[in-house]
Amino acid sequence: MAERRVWIDDWQMQCCGDPFALGSTVTWSTIPVTDRSGFAEFLDEETATGITDYEERHAYEDQELEEIEGVVRSIDAVFCQ
């Protein structure tokens, strides 16, 4: 299985996300990240370019979601104002 680095917005978790921890097996609906420019405001370039997917539970009809399943191997939190 290929490694993924999935970005999850806090509001997605607050709205309807399921808690997870290191070692959890998860199934997420994702959208591939194609434009990382928005991350440049608060992440270093290496971290931003490593993000492969957005976790998305409220997709528009024209967005194709990919369901992925895997084991959480690391968690990084980003805080900004």
C-alpha atoms as a PDB file:
ATOM      1  CA  MET A   1       0.000   0.000   0.000  1.00  0.00           C
ATOM      2  CA  ALA A   2       1.327   3.431  -0.902  1.00  0.00           C
ATOM      3  CA  GLU A   3       1.880   5.933   1.867  1.00  0.00           C
ATOM      4  CA  ARG A   4      -0.510   8.864   1.998  1.00  0.00           C
ATOM      5  CA  ARG A   5      -0.336  12.105   3.971  1.00  0.00           C
ATOM      6  CA  VAL A   6      -3.940  13.189   4.412  1.00  0.00           C
ATOM      7  CA  TRP A   7      -4.979  16.710   5.397  1.00  0.00           C
ATOM      8  CA  ILE A   8      -8.059  16.844   7.637  1.00  0.00           C
ATOM      9  CA  ASP A   9      -9.599  20.232   8.427  1.00  0.00           C
ATOM     10  CA  ASP A  10     -10.634  20.735  12.024  1.00  0.00           C
ATOM     11  CA  TRP A  11     -14.198  21.584  11.028  1.00  0.00           C
ATOM     12  CA  GLN A  12     -14.506  18.235   9.239  1.00  0.00           C
ATOM     13  CA  MET A  13     -13.562  16.450  12.469  1.00  0.00           C
ATOM     14  CA  GLN A  14     -15.851  18.635  14.582  1.00  0.00           C
ATOM     15  CA  CYS A  15     -18.774  18.116  12.227  1.00  0.00           C
ATOM     16  CA  CYS A  16     -18.725  14.393  11.618  1.00  0.00           C
ATOM     17  CA  GLY A  17     -15.232  12.985  12.000  1.00  0.00           C
ATOM     18  CA  ASP A  18     -14.490   9.776  13.842  1.00  0.00           C
ATOM     19  CA  PRO A  19     -11.731   9.922  16.465  1.00  0.00           C
ATOM     20  CA  PHE A  20      -8.499   8.151  15.522  1.00  0.00           C
ATOM     21  CA  ALA A  21      -5.083   7.601  17.065  1.00  0.00           C
ATOM     22  CA  LEU A  22      -1.735   6.108  16.135  1.00  0.00           C
ATOM     23  CA  GLY A  23      -2.307   2.541  15.032  1.00  0.00           C
ATOM     24  CA  SER A  24      -6.003   3.077  14.198  1.00  0.00           C
ATOM     25  CA  THR A  25      -7.341   1.500  11.037  1.00  0.00           C
ATOM     26  CA  VAL A  26      -9.290   4.187   9.183  1.00  0.00           C
ATOM     27  CA  THR A  27     -11.431   4.458   6.082  1.00  0.00           C
ATOM     28  CA  TRP A  28     -11.580   7.962   4.651  1.00  0.00           C
ATOM     29  CA  SER A  29     -13.129   9.569   1.582  1.00  0.00           C
ATOM     30  CA  THR A  30     -10.411  11.649  -0.044  1.00  0.00           C
ATOM     31  CA  ILE A  31      -9.702  14.029  -2.892  1.00  0.00           C
ATOM     32  CA  PRO A  32      -6.177  14.150  -4.356  1.00  0.00           C
ATOM     33  CA  VAL A  33      -4.315  17.389  -3.632  1.00  0.00           C
ATOM     34  CA  THR A  34      -3.320  19.059  -6.883  1.00  0.00           C
ATOM     35  CA  ASP A  35      -2.747  22.628  -5.689  1.00  0.00           C
ATOM     36  CA  ARG A  36      -0.586  22.979  -2.591  1.00  0.00           C
ATOM     37  CA  SER A  37      -0.232  26.767  -2.767  1.00  0.00           C
ATOM     38  CA  GLY A  38      -2.763  27.304   0.027  1.00  0.00           C
ATOM     39  CA  PHE A  39      -0.574  25.348   2.423  1.00  0.00           C
ATOM     40  CA  ALA A  40       2.368  27.679   1.786  1.00  0.00           C
ATOM     41  CA  GLU A  41       0.865  30.269   4.133  1.00  0.00           C
ATOM     42  CA  PHE A  42       1.442  28.104   7.196  1.00  0.00           C
ATOM     43  CA  LEU A  43       3.565  25.063   6.277  1.00  0.00           C
ATOM     44  CA  ASP A  44       7.147  24.716   5.154  1.00  0.00           C
ATOM     45  CA  GLU A  45       7.629  23.595   1.556  1.00  0.00           C
ATOM     46  CA  GLU A  46       8.663  20.016   2.392  1.00  0.00           C
ATOM     47  CA  THR A  47       5.593  19.438   4.555  1.00  0.00           C
ATOM     48  CA  ALA A  48       3.245  21.075   2.046  1.00  0.00           C
ATOM     49  CA  THR A  49       4.533  19.026  -0.886  1.00  0.00           C
ATOM     50  CA  GLY A  50       4.142  15.823   1.142  1.00  0.00           C
ATOM     51  CA  ILE A  51       0.363  16.204   1.483  1.00  0.00           C
ATOM     52  CA  THR A  52      -1.259  13.829  -0.985  1.00  0.00           C
ATOM     53  CA  ASP A  53      -4.974  13.995  -0.171  1.00  0.00           C
ATOM     54  CA  TYR A  54      -7.738  15.949   1.552  1.00  0.00           C
ATOM     55  CA  GLU A  55     -10.169  13.999   3.713  1.00  0.00           C
ATOM     56  CA  GLU A  56     -13.602  15.152   2.542  1.00  0.00           C
ATOM     57  CA  ARG A  57     -17.081  14.345   3.825  1.00  0.00           C
ATOM     58  CA  HIS A  58     -18.993  17.144   2.106  1.00  0.00           C
ATOM     59  CA  ALA A  59     -17.942  16.878  -1.535  1.00  0.00           C
ATOM     60  CA  TYR A  60     -19.675  18.629  -4.378  1.00  0.00           C
ATOM     61  CA  GLU A  61     -21.328  16.537  -7.068  1.00  0.00           C
ATOM     62  CA  ASP A  62     -18.488  17.216  -9.515  1.00  0.00           C
ATOM     63  CA  GLN A  63     -15.797  15.980  -7.113  1.00  0.00           C
ATOM     64  CA  GLU A  64     -14.736  12.367  -7.345  1.00  0.00           C
ATOM     65  CA  LEU A  65     -13.932  10.874  -3.964  1.00  0.00           C
ATOM     66  CA  GLU A  66     -11.597   7.961  -3.465  1.00  0.00           C
ATOM     67  CA  GLU A  67     -12.204   5.780  -0.451  1.00  0.00           C
ATOM     68  CA  ILE A  68      -8.931   4.754   1.137  1.00  0.00           C
ATOM     69  CA  GLU A  69      -8.275   2.438   4.053  1.00  0.00           C
ATOM     70  CA  GLY A  70      -5.094   2.284   6.039  1.00  0.00           C
ATOM     71  CA  VAL A  71      -3.360   2.398   9.394  1.00  0.00           C
ATOM     72  CA  VAL A  72      -2.457   5.746  10.981  1.00  0.00           C
ATOM     73  CA  ARG A  73       1.348   5.814  11.305  1.00  0.00           C
ATOM     74  CA  SER A  74       1.828   9.446  12.347  1.00  0.00           C
ATOM     75  CA  ILE A  75      -0.191  12.505  13.281  1.00  0.00           C
ATOM     76  CA  ASP A  76       0.918  16.108  12.873  1.00  0.00           C
ATOM     77  CA  ALA A  77      -1.210  18.993  14.102  1.00  0.00           C
ATOM     78  CA  VAL A  78      -1.099  22.514  12.681  1.00  0.00           C
ATOM     79  CA  PHE A  79      -2.278  25.503  14.682  1.00  0.00           C
ATOM     80  CA  CYS A  80      -2.482  29.015  13.281  1.00  0.00           C
ATOM     81  CA  GLN A  81      -4.370  32.272  13.702  1.00  0.00           C
END
